[in-house]
Amino acid sequence: MPKPMGNLTSTIFSPCTQLFFRILLLLLRSYFYSHLLLPAIHVNIINS
């Protein structure tokens, strides 16, 4: 009985974790873009 239950939880849990990590990566990427790229672009515009 525990083995099918483990398979069931893994099949349900795996797509959720993939989605979670995908959202986390998107958030990190947007955070880095907003904090690193945008100030650099603003500095370039001001300097030019």
N, C-alpha and C. Protein backbone atom coordinates (compact mmCIF):
# COMPACT_ATOMS: atom_id res chain seq x y z
N MET A 1 0.82 -1.22 0.00
CA MET A 1 0.00 0.00 0.00
C MET A 1 0.85 1.28 0.00
N PRO A 2 1.94 1.37 0.78
CA PRO A 2 2.72 2.62 0.74
C PRO A 2 3.34 2.88 -0.63
N LYS A 3 3.66 1.81 -1.40
CA LYS A 3 4.37 2.04 -2.66
C LYS A 3 3.49 2.77 -3.69
N PRO A 4 2.25 2.32 -3.96
CA PRO A 4 1.42 3.09 -4.90
C PRO A 4 1.15 4.50 -4.40
N MET A 5 1.05 4.66 -3.08
CA MET A 5 0.82 5.98 -2.51
C MET A 5 2.02 6.88 -2.81
N GLY A 6 3.23 6.32 -2.67
CA GLY A 6 4.43 7.09 -2.98
C GLY A 6 4.46 7.48 -4.45
N ASN A 7 4.10 6.54 -5.34
CA ASN A 7 4.07 6.86 -6.76
C ASN A 7 3.04 7.95 -7.04
N LEU A 8 1.90 7.85 -6.38
CA LEU A 8 0.84 8.84 -6.59
C LEU A 8 1.31 10.22 -6.15
N THR A 9 1.92 10.31 -4.97
CA THR A 9 2.37 11.62 -4.48
C THR A 9 3.49 12.16 -5.36
N SER A 10 4.37 11.29 -5.85
CA SER A 10 5.46 11.78 -6.68
C SER A 10 4.93 12.29 -8.02
N THR A 11 3.93 11.60 -8.59
CA THR A 11 3.39 12.05 -9.87
C THR A 11 2.61 13.35 -9.70
N ILE A 12 1.98 13.55 -8.55
CA ILE A 12 1.24 14.80 -8.31
C ILE A 12 2.23 15.90 -7.94
N PHE A 13 3.26 15.56 -7.16
CA PHE A 13 4.17 16.56 -6.61
C PHE A 13 5.15 17.07 -7.65
N SER A 14 5.55 16.20 -8.58
CA SER A 14 6.58 16.57 -9.55
C SER A 14 6.18 17.75 -10.43
N PRO A 15 5.01 17.76 -11.06
CA PRO A 15 4.65 18.93 -11.88
C PRO A 15 4.51 20.19 -11.03
N CYS A 16 4.06 20.05 -9.79
CA CYS A 16 3.93 21.22 -8.92
C CYS A 16 5.29 21.81 -8.62
N THR A 17 6.28 20.96 -8.34
CA THR A 17 7.61 21.48 -8.06
C THR A 17 8.23 22.08 -9.31
N GLN A 18 8.00 21.47 -10.48
CA GLN A 18 8.51 22.04 -11.72
C GLN A 18 7.92 23.42 -11.96
N LEU A 19 6.61 23.56 -11.74
CA LEU A 19 5.94 24.85 -11.91
C LEU A 19 6.48 25.86 -10.91
N PHE A 20 6.66 25.40 -9.66
CA PHE A 20 7.16 26.29 -8.61
C PHE A 20 8.55 26.80 -8.95
N PHE A 21 9.44 25.89 -9.38
CA PHE A 21 10.80 26.31 -9.71
C PHE A 21 10.81 27.20 -10.94
N ARG A 22 9.90 26.95 -11.88
CA ARG A 22 9.82 27.79 -13.07
C ARG A 22 9.42 29.22 -12.69
N ILE A 23 8.42 29.33 -11.79
CA ILE A 23 7.97 30.66 -11.33
C ILE A 23 9.10 31.33 -10.54
N LEU A 24 9.80 30.54 -9.71
CA LEU A 24 10.89 31.09 -8.91
C LEU A 24 11.99 31.63 -9.81
N LEU A 25 12.33 30.88 -10.87
CA LEU A 25 13.36 31.34 -11.80
C LEU A 25 12.92 32.61 -12.51
N LEU A 26 11.64 32.67 -12.89
CA LEU A 26 11.14 33.88 -13.55
C LEU A 26 11.23 35.08 -12.62
N LEU A 27 10.87 34.88 -11.35
CA LEU A 27 10.94 35.97 -10.38
C LEU A 27 12.38 36.43 -10.18
N LEU A 28 13.30 35.46 -10.04
CA LEU A 28 14.70 35.82 -9.86
C LEU A 28 15.23 36.56 -11.08
N ARG A 29 14.84 36.09 -12.27
CA ARG A 29 15.32 36.71 -13.50
C ARG A 29 14.80 38.14 -13.61
N SER A 30 13.52 38.35 -13.32
CA SER A 30 12.96 39.69 -13.40
C SER A 30 13.58 40.59 -12.32
N TYR A 31 13.87 40.01 -11.15
CA TYR A 31 14.50 40.78 -10.07
C TYR A 31 15.89 41.25 -10.51
N PHE A 32 16.67 40.32 -11.08
CA PHE A 32 18.02 40.69 -11.52
C PHE A 32 17.96 41.69 -12.66
N TYR A 33 17.01 41.51 -13.58
CA TYR A 33 16.89 42.45 -14.68
C TYR A 33 16.57 43.84 -14.17
N SER A 34 15.62 43.94 -13.23
CA SER A 34 15.19 45.24 -12.75
C SER A 34 16.28 45.92 -11.91
N HIS A 35 17.09 45.12 -11.18
CA HIS A 35 18.07 45.72 -10.28
C HIS A 35 19.45 45.88 -10.90
N LEU A 36 19.74 45.12 -11.96
CA LEU A 36 21.06 45.21 -12.57
C LEU A 36 21.01 45.87 -13.94
N LEU A 37 20.08 45.45 -14.79
CA LEU A 37 20.06 45.96 -16.15
C LEU A 37 19.46 47.36 -16.23
N LEU A 38 18.35 47.59 -15.55
CA LEU A 38 17.69 48.89 -15.65
C LEU A 38 18.56 50.03 -15.15
N PRO A 39 19.23 49.93 -13.98
CA PRO A 39 20.13 51.02 -13.57
C PRO A 39 21.26 51.23 -14.57
N ALA A 40 21.79 50.16 -15.14
CA ALA A 40 22.85 50.30 -16.14
C ALA A 40 22.34 51.05 -17.36
N ILE A 41 21.12 50.73 -17.79
CA ILE A 41 20.53 51.42 -18.94
C ILE A 41 20.31 52.89 -18.61
N HIS A 42 19.83 53.17 -17.40
CA HIS A 42 19.60 54.56 -17.01
C HIS A 42 20.92 55.33 -16.95
N VAL A 43 21.95 54.69 -16.42
CA VAL A 43 23.26 55.34 -16.35
C VAL A 43 23.78 55.61 -17.76
N ASN A 44 23.60 54.66 -18.68
CA ASN A 44 24.05 54.86 -20.05
C ASN A 44 23.31 56.01 -20.71
N ILE A 45 22.01 56.10 -20.46
CA ILE A 45 21.21 57.18 -21.05
C ILE A 45 21.64 58.53 -20.47
N ILE A 46 21.89 58.57 -19.15
CA ILE A 46 22.29 59.83 -18.52
C ILE A 46 23.68 60.23 -19.01
N ASN A 47 24.59 59.27 -19.12
CA ASN A 47 25.95 59.60 -19.55
C ASN A 47 25.99 60.04 -21.00
N SER A 48 25.13 59.48 -21.82
CA SER A 48 25.14 59.86 -23.23
C SER A 48 24.40 61.19 -23.40
